[in-house]
């Protein structure tokens, strides 16, 4: 089985819950009471998303790469 790294964005909402989103997989969003829970849940969501794509013979989107750019302000 091939392994791939996907970028995940985690934000804490106003109620204190953490929302996790995988931009490379549209609609792949999860949440958790803690940052760790959100990471675990998004990992499960990503796995389910990719499993569904495979079952339907759909292409697997590549991960989005990013760079950090330093700026002075």
C-alpha atoms as a PDB file:
ATOM      1  CA  UNK A   1       0.000   0.000   0.000  1.00  0.00           C
ATOM      2  CA  UNK A   2       1.345   3.405  -1.001  1.00  0.00           C
ATOM      3  CA  UNK A   3       1.749   6.119   1.638  1.00  0.00           C
ATOM      4  CA  UNK A   4       1.238   9.829   1.084  1.00  0.00           C
ATOM      5  CA  UNK A   5       1.516  12.930   3.268  1.00  0.00           C
ATOM      6  CA  UNK A   6      -1.386  15.387   3.139  1.00  0.00           C
ATOM      7  CA  UNK A   7      -1.365  18.900   4.543  1.00  0.00           C
ATOM      8  CA  UNK A   8      -3.975  19.524   7.237  1.00  0.00           C
ATOM      9  CA  UNK A   9      -5.094  22.899   8.563  1.00  0.00           C
ATOM     10  CA  UNK A  10      -6.279  22.983  12.180  1.00  0.00           C
ATOM     11  CA  UNK A  11      -8.135  25.909  13.717  1.00  0.00           C
ATOM     12  CA  UNK A  12      -9.758  26.320  17.086  1.00  0.00           C
ATOM     13  CA  UNK A  13     -13.285  27.717  16.917  1.00  0.00           C
ATOM     14  CA  UNK A  14     -14.981  30.127  19.320  1.00  0.00           C
ATOM     15  CA  UNK A  15     -16.437  27.263  21.373  1.00  0.00           C
ATOM     16  CA  UNK A  16     -12.988  25.726  21.931  1.00  0.00           C
ATOM     17  CA  UNK A  17     -13.353  22.791  19.511  1.00  0.00           C
ATOM     18  CA  UNK A  18     -10.687  22.127  16.897  1.00  0.00           C
ATOM     19  CA  UNK A  19     -11.605  21.860  13.219  1.00  0.00           C
ATOM     20  CA  UNK A  20      -9.263  20.042  10.834  1.00  0.00           C
ATOM     21  CA  UNK A  21      -9.421  20.307   7.043  1.00  0.00           C
ATOM     22  CA  UNK A  22      -7.449  18.680   4.239  1.00  0.00           C
ATOM     23  CA  UNK A  23      -7.362  21.227   1.360  1.00  0.00           C
ATOM     24  CA  UNK A  24      -6.206  18.655  -1.214  1.00  0.00           C
ATOM     25  CA  UNK A  25      -9.406  16.655  -0.636  1.00  0.00           C
ATOM     26  CA  UNK A  26     -12.424  18.956  -1.089  1.00  0.00           C
ATOM     27  CA  UNK A  27     -14.967  18.557   1.704  1.00  0.00           C
ATOM     28  CA  UNK A  28     -12.665  16.457   3.874  1.00  0.00           C
ATOM     29  CA  UNK A  29     -13.216  18.135   7.244  1.00  0.00           C
ATOM     30  CA  UNK A  30     -13.365  16.808  10.791  1.00  0.00           C
ATOM     31  CA  UNK A  31     -13.221  18.098  14.345  1.00  0.00           C
ATOM     32  CA  UNK A  32     -12.326  17.172  17.882  1.00  0.00           C
ATOM     33  CA  UNK A  33     -12.459  18.431  21.439  1.00  0.00           C
ATOM     34  CA  UNK A  34      -8.650  18.603  21.469  1.00  0.00           C
ATOM     35  CA  UNK A  35      -6.015  19.168  18.805  1.00  0.00           C
ATOM     36  CA  UNK A  36      -4.992  15.511  19.133  1.00  0.00           C
ATOM     37  CA  UNK A  37      -8.597  14.365  18.683  1.00  0.00           C
ATOM     38  CA  UNK A  38      -8.963  16.558  15.593  1.00  0.00           C
ATOM     39  CA  UNK A  39      -5.762  15.106  14.087  1.00  0.00           C
ATOM     40  CA  UNK A  40      -6.891  11.542  14.763  1.00  0.00           C
ATOM     41  CA  UNK A  41     -10.333  12.256  13.317  1.00  0.00           C
ATOM     42  CA  UNK A  42      -9.030  13.953  10.162  1.00  0.00           C
ATOM     43  CA  UNK A  43      -6.644  11.059   9.589  1.00  0.00           C
ATOM     44  CA  UNK A  44      -9.631   8.690   9.698  1.00  0.00           C
ATOM     45  CA  UNK A  45     -11.600  11.029   7.401  1.00  0.00           C
ATOM     46  CA  UNK A  46      -8.727  11.182   4.891  1.00  0.00           C
ATOM     47  CA  UNK A  47      -8.435   7.384   4.905  1.00  0.00           C
ATOM     48  CA  UNK A  48     -12.166   7.022   4.307  1.00  0.00           C
ATOM     49  CA  UNK A  49     -12.078   9.629   1.530  1.00  0.00           C
ATOM     50  CA  UNK A  50      -9.223   7.864  -0.255  1.00  0.00           C
ATOM     51  CA  UNK A  51     -10.855   4.437   0.216  1.00  0.00           C
ATOM     52  CA  UNK A  52     -14.041   5.776  -1.391  1.00  0.00           C
ATOM     53  CA  UNK A  53     -12.100   7.191  -4.335  1.00  0.00           C
ATOM     54  CA  UNK A  54     -10.400   3.826  -4.861  1.00  0.00           C
ATOM     55  CA  UNK A  55     -13.694   1.922  -4.668  1.00  0.00           C
ATOM     56  CA  UNK A  56     -15.156   4.186  -7.353  1.00  0.00           C
ATOM     57  CA  UNK A  57     -12.032   4.082  -9.548  1.00  0.00           C
ATOM     58  CA  UNK A  58     -11.560   7.836  -9.125  1.00  0.00           C
ATOM     59  CA  UNK A  59      -8.093   9.424  -9.280  1.00  0.00           C
ATOM     60  CA  UNK A  60      -6.301  10.108  -6.004  1.00  0.00           C
ATOM     61  CA  UNK A  61      -5.498  13.842  -5.761  1.00  0.00           C
ATOM     62  CA  UNK A  62      -1.859  14.636  -5.089  1.00  0.00           C
ATOM     63  CA  UNK A  63      -1.037  16.433  -1.858  1.00  0.00           C
ATOM     64  CA  UNK A  64      -0.678  20.201  -1.942  1.00  0.00           C
ATOM     65  CA  UNK A  65       2.866  21.328  -1.301  1.00  0.00           C
ATOM     66  CA  UNK A  66       3.669  24.581   0.411  1.00  0.00           C
ATOM     67  CA  UNK A  67       6.585  26.764   1.295  1.00  0.00           C
ATOM     68  CA  UNK A  68       7.087  29.119   4.207  1.00  0.00           C
ATOM     69  CA  UNK A  69       8.118  32.631   3.205  1.00  0.00           C
ATOM     70  CA  UNK A  70       9.694  34.981   5.720  1.00  0.00           C
ATOM     71  CA  UNK A  71       8.757  38.646   5.533  1.00  0.00           C
ATOM     72  CA  UNK A  72       9.724  41.619   7.688  1.00  0.00           C
ATOM     73  CA  UNK A  73       7.065  43.868   9.143  1.00  0.00           C
END
